[in-house]
Amino acid sequence: MERLKDKVAVITGGNSGMGLATAQRFVAEGAYVFITGRSQSELDAAVKQIGGNNISGVQGDVSNMADLDRLYAVVGEQKDRIDILFVNAGVGQFAPLGTITEAHFDKIFSVNVKGLLFTAKSTSLVS
């Protein structure tokens, strides 16, 4: 089946878990997929696992604006549009209330809130 034929997808956190499974399905359905992840080695392994010509990995951290700019520059240069955006990257670090530090809070909110917002907002950089 090729329900996503000729569609271009971006999946943040696409190097593992639900993001990787979604990337595999989208490629199988005919989409060209860009996945992101913070670890280049994990990203390379995910691209290899998915296989084929319809997958690219772009290393980056969604909480880093320069990384988001680079992601969308790559997408813009290679495909010039995004049809599907799956903002999947996220972190979870649980701690007892009395032990949570400002650094702990900042890390979680930087990825899970700031990263989500600016990933969606930055799609305007493509085209």
C-alpha atoms as a PDB file:
ATOM      1  CA  MET A   1       0.000   0.000   0.000  1.00  0.00           C
ATOM      2  CA  GLU A   2       1.188   3.493  -0.765  1.00  0.00           C
ATOM      3  CA  ARG A   3      -1.296   5.752   0.968  1.00  0.00           C
ATOM      4  CA  LEU A   4       1.489   8.273   1.636  1.00  0.00           C
ATOM      5  CA  LYS A   5       3.082   8.189  -1.830  1.00  0.00           C
ATOM      6  CA  ASP A   6       4.846  11.479  -2.628  1.00  0.00           C
ATOM      7  CA  LYS A   7       4.267  12.857   0.882  1.00  0.00           C
ATOM      8  CA  VAL A   8       7.147  14.367   2.867  1.00  0.00           C
ATOM      9  CA  ALA A   9       7.226  13.697   6.609  1.00  0.00           C
ATOM     10  CA  VAL A  10       9.374  15.004   9.459  1.00  0.00           C
ATOM     11  CA  ILE A  11       9.465  12.947  12.662  1.00  0.00           C
ATOM     12  CA  THR A  12      11.369  14.326  15.635  1.00  0.00           C
ATOM     13  CA  GLY A  13      12.730  11.674  17.957  1.00  0.00           C
ATOM     14  CA  GLY A  14      12.472   9.248  15.059  1.00  0.00           C
ATOM     15  CA  ASN A  15      15.502   7.187  16.034  1.00  0.00           C
ATOM     16  CA  SER A  16      13.727   5.024  18.633  1.00  0.00           C
ATOM     17  CA  GLY A  17      10.407   3.916  20.073  1.00  0.00           C
ATOM     18  CA  MET A  18       7.179   5.261  18.671  1.00  0.00           C
ATOM     19  CA  GLY A  19       9.001   7.682  16.363  1.00  0.00           C
ATOM     20  CA  LEU A  20      11.018   4.879  14.769  1.00  0.00           C
ATOM     21  CA  ALA A  21       7.941   2.663  14.369  1.00  0.00           C
ATOM     22  CA  THR A  22       6.064   5.562  12.750  1.00  0.00           C
ATOM     23  CA  ALA A  23       8.962   6.282  10.401  1.00  0.00           C
ATOM     24  CA  GLN A  24       9.055   2.627   9.347  1.00  0.00           C
ATOM     25  CA  ARG A  25       5.322   2.660   8.626  1.00  0.00           C
ATOM     26  CA  PHE A  26       5.427   5.972   6.741  1.00  0.00           C
ATOM     27  CA  VAL A  27       8.278   4.741   4.515  1.00  0.00           C
ATOM     28  CA  ALA A  28       6.389   1.484   3.904  1.00  0.00           C
ATOM     29  CA  GLU A  29       3.376   3.597   2.903  1.00  0.00           C
ATOM     30  CA  GLY A  30       5.458   5.519   0.325  1.00  0.00           C
ATOM     31  CA  ALA A  31       6.417   8.730   2.159  1.00  0.00           C
ATOM     32  CA  TYR A  32       9.857  10.315   2.152  1.00  0.00           C
ATOM     33  CA  VAL A  33      10.745  10.662   5.839  1.00  0.00           C
ATOM     34  CA  PHE A  34      13.242  12.823   7.697  1.00  0.00           C
ATOM     35  CA  ILE A  35      13.922  11.615  11.241  1.00  0.00           C
ATOM     36  CA  THR A  36      15.793  13.465  13.967  1.00  0.00           C
ATOM     37  CA  GLY A  37      17.617  12.398  17.079  1.00  0.00           C
ATOM     38  CA  ARG A  38      20.327  13.739  19.365  1.00  0.00           C
ATOM     39  CA  SER A  39      22.699  10.774  18.966  1.00  0.00           C
ATOM     40  CA  GLN A  40      24.259  10.446  15.520  1.00  0.00           C
ATOM     41  CA  SER A  41      25.076   6.761  16.050  1.00  0.00           C
ATOM     42  CA  GLU A  42      21.475   5.943  17.065  1.00  0.00           C
ATOM     43  CA  LEU A  43      20.180   7.997  14.147  1.00  0.00           C
ATOM     44  CA  ASP A  44      22.461   6.170  11.697  1.00  0.00           C
ATOM     45  CA  ALA A  45      21.301   2.810  13.086  1.00  0.00           C
ATOM     46  CA  ALA A  46      17.644   3.816  12.699  1.00  0.00           C
ATOM     47  CA  VAL A  47      18.148   4.933   9.088  1.00  0.00           C
ATOM     48  CA  LYS A  48      19.905   1.641   8.349  1.00  0.00           C
ATOM     49  CA  GLN A  49      17.144  -0.345  10.078  1.00  0.00           C
ATOM     50  CA  ILE A  50      14.433   1.378   8.038  1.00  0.00           C
ATOM     51  CA  GLY A  51      16.460   1.055   4.844  1.00  0.00           C
ATOM     52  CA  GLY A  52      15.669   2.192   1.337  1.00  0.00           C
ATOM     53  CA  ASN A  53      15.914   5.521  -0.409  1.00  0.00           C
ATOM     54  CA  ASN A  54      13.014   7.283   1.314  1.00  0.00           C
ATOM     55  CA  ILE A  55      14.663   8.003   4.664  1.00  0.00           C
ATOM     56  CA  SER A  56      17.113  10.634   5.877  1.00  0.00           C
ATOM     57  CA  GLY A  57      18.454  11.274   9.346  1.00  0.00           C
ATOM     58  CA  VAL A  58      19.242  14.787  10.545  1.00  0.00           C
ATOM     59  CA  GLN A  59      21.081  14.925  13.871  1.00  0.00           C
ATOM     60  CA  GLY A  60      19.803  17.554  16.250  1.00  0.00           C
ATOM     61  CA  ASP A  61      18.173  18.491  19.534  1.00  0.00           C
ATOM     62  CA  VAL A  62      14.695  20.029  19.281  1.00  0.00           C
ATOM     63  CA  SER A  63      15.451  22.334  22.194  1.00  0.00           C
ATOM     64  CA  ASN A  64      18.297  23.918  20.204  1.00  0.00           C
ATOM     65  CA  MET A  65      17.073  26.574  17.760  1.00  0.00           C
ATOM     66  CA  ALA A  66      20.161  26.261  15.531  1.00  0.00           C
ATOM     67  CA  ASP A  67      19.490  22.519  15.193  1.00  0.00           C
ATOM     68  CA  LEU A  68      15.874  23.198  14.193  1.00  0.00           C
ATOM     69  CA  ASP A  69      17.007  25.791  11.654  1.00  0.00           C
ATOM     70  CA  ARG A  70      19.443  23.247  10.180  1.00  0.00           C
ATOM     71  CA  LEU A  71      16.758  20.543  10.068  1.00  0.00           C
ATOM     72  CA  TYR A  72      14.374  22.746   8.122  1.00  0.00           C
ATOM     73  CA  ALA A  73      17.161  23.981   5.846  1.00  0.00           C
ATOM     74  CA  VAL A  74      17.928  20.357   4.926  1.00  0.00           C
ATOM     75  CA  VAL A  75      14.246  19.579   4.349  1.00  0.00           C
ATOM     76  CA  GLY A  76      13.850  22.733   2.278  1.00  0.00           C
ATOM     77  CA  GLU A  77      16.901  21.979   0.131  1.00  0.00           C
ATOM     78  CA  GLN A  78      15.965  18.342  -0.463  1.00  0.00           C
ATOM     79  CA  LYS A  79      12.159  18.371  -0.648  1.00  0.00           C
ATOM     80  CA  ASP A  80      10.944  21.995  -0.383  1.00  0.00           C
ATOM     81  CA  ARG A  81       7.896  21.145   1.717  1.00  0.00           C
ATOM     82  CA  ILE A  82       6.478  19.216   4.672  1.00  0.00           C
ATOM     83  CA  ASP A  83       3.194  17.369   4.349  1.00  0.00           C
ATOM     84  CA  ILE A  84       3.308  15.551   7.705  1.00  0.00           C
ATOM     85  CA  LEU A  85       4.914  16.751  10.943  1.00  0.00           C
ATOM     86  CA  PHE A  86       5.088  14.338  13.886  1.00  0.00           C
ATOM     87  CA  VAL A  87       6.492  16.210  16.890  1.00  0.00           C
ATOM     88  CA  ASN A  88       7.501  13.117  18.838  1.00  0.00           C
ATOM     89  CA  ALA A  89      10.754  14.020  20.622  1.00  0.00           C
ATOM     90  CA  GLY A  90      10.420  14.137  24.364  1.00  0.00           C
ATOM     91  CA  VAL A  91      12.149  13.274  27.613  1.00  0.00           C
ATOM     92  CA  GLY A  92      11.003  12.123  31.007  1.00  0.00           C
ATOM     93  CA  GLN A  93      13.072  12.158  34.162  1.00  0.00           C
ATOM     94  CA  PHE A  94      11.095  11.425  37.262  1.00  0.00           C
ATOM     95  CA  ALA A  95      12.221  12.579  40.677  1.00  0.00           C
ATOM     96  CA  PRO A  96      10.625  13.038  44.088  1.00  0.00           C
ATOM     97  CA  LEU A  97       9.193  16.536  44.440  1.00  0.00           C
ATOM     98  CA  GLY A  98      11.725  17.572  47.083  1.00  0.00           C
ATOM     99  CA  THR A  99      14.698  16.658  44.848  1.00  0.00           C
ATOM    100  CA  ILE A 100      13.693  18.443  41.639  1.00  0.00           C
ATOM    101  CA  THR A 101      16.228  21.099  40.713  1.00  0.00           C
ATOM    102  CA  GLU A 102      15.939  24.067  38.394  1.00  0.00           C
ATOM    103  CA  ALA A 103      18.294  22.308  35.942  1.00  0.00           C
ATOM    104  CA  HIS A 104      16.035  19.229  35.967  1.00  0.00           C
ATOM    105  CA  PHE A 105      12.964  21.384  35.303  1.00  0.00           C
ATOM    106  CA  ASP A 106      14.720  23.388  32.570  1.00  0.00           C
ATOM    107  CA  LYS A 107      15.871  20.264  30.705  1.00  0.00           C
ATOM    108  CA  ILE A 108      12.405  18.699  30.650  1.00  0.00           C
ATOM    109  CA  PHE A 109      10.598  21.884  29.674  1.00  0.00           C
ATOM    110  CA  SER A 110      13.240  22.791  27.102  1.00  0.00           C
ATOM    111  CA  VAL A 111      12.633  19.570  25.159  1.00  0.00           C
ATOM    112  CA  ASN A 112       8.974  18.852  25.895  1.00  0.00           C
ATOM    113  CA  VAL A 113       7.526  22.367  25.689  1.00  0.00           C
ATOM    114  CA  LYS A 114       9.998  24.695  23.979  1.00  0.00           C
ATOM    115  CA  GLY A 115      11.053  21.967  21.535  1.00  0.00           C
ATOM    116  CA  LEU A 116       7.468  21.115  20.641  1.00  0.00           C
ATOM    117  CA  LEU A 117       6.447  24.741  20.123  1.00  0.00           C
ATOM    118  CA  PHE A 118       9.452  25.742  18.039  1.00  0.00           C
ATOM    119  CA  THR A 119       9.432  22.518  16.009  1.00  0.00           C
ATOM    120  CA  ALA A 120       5.900  23.337  14.869  1.00  0.00           C
ATOM    121  CA  LYS A 121       6.586  27.063  14.475  1.00  0.00           C
ATOM    122  CA  SER A 122       9.757  26.515  12.471  1.00  0.00           C
ATOM    123  CA  THR A 123       7.997  24.652   9.660  1.00  0.00           C
ATOM    124  CA  SER A 124       7.507  28.106   8.138  1.00  0.00           C
ATOM    125  CA  LEU A 125      11.253  28.072   7.352  1.00  0.00           C
ATOM    126  CA  VAL A 126      10.644  25.473   4.631  1.00  0.00           C
ATOM    127  CA  SER A 127       9.845  26.807   1.134  1.00  0.00           C
END
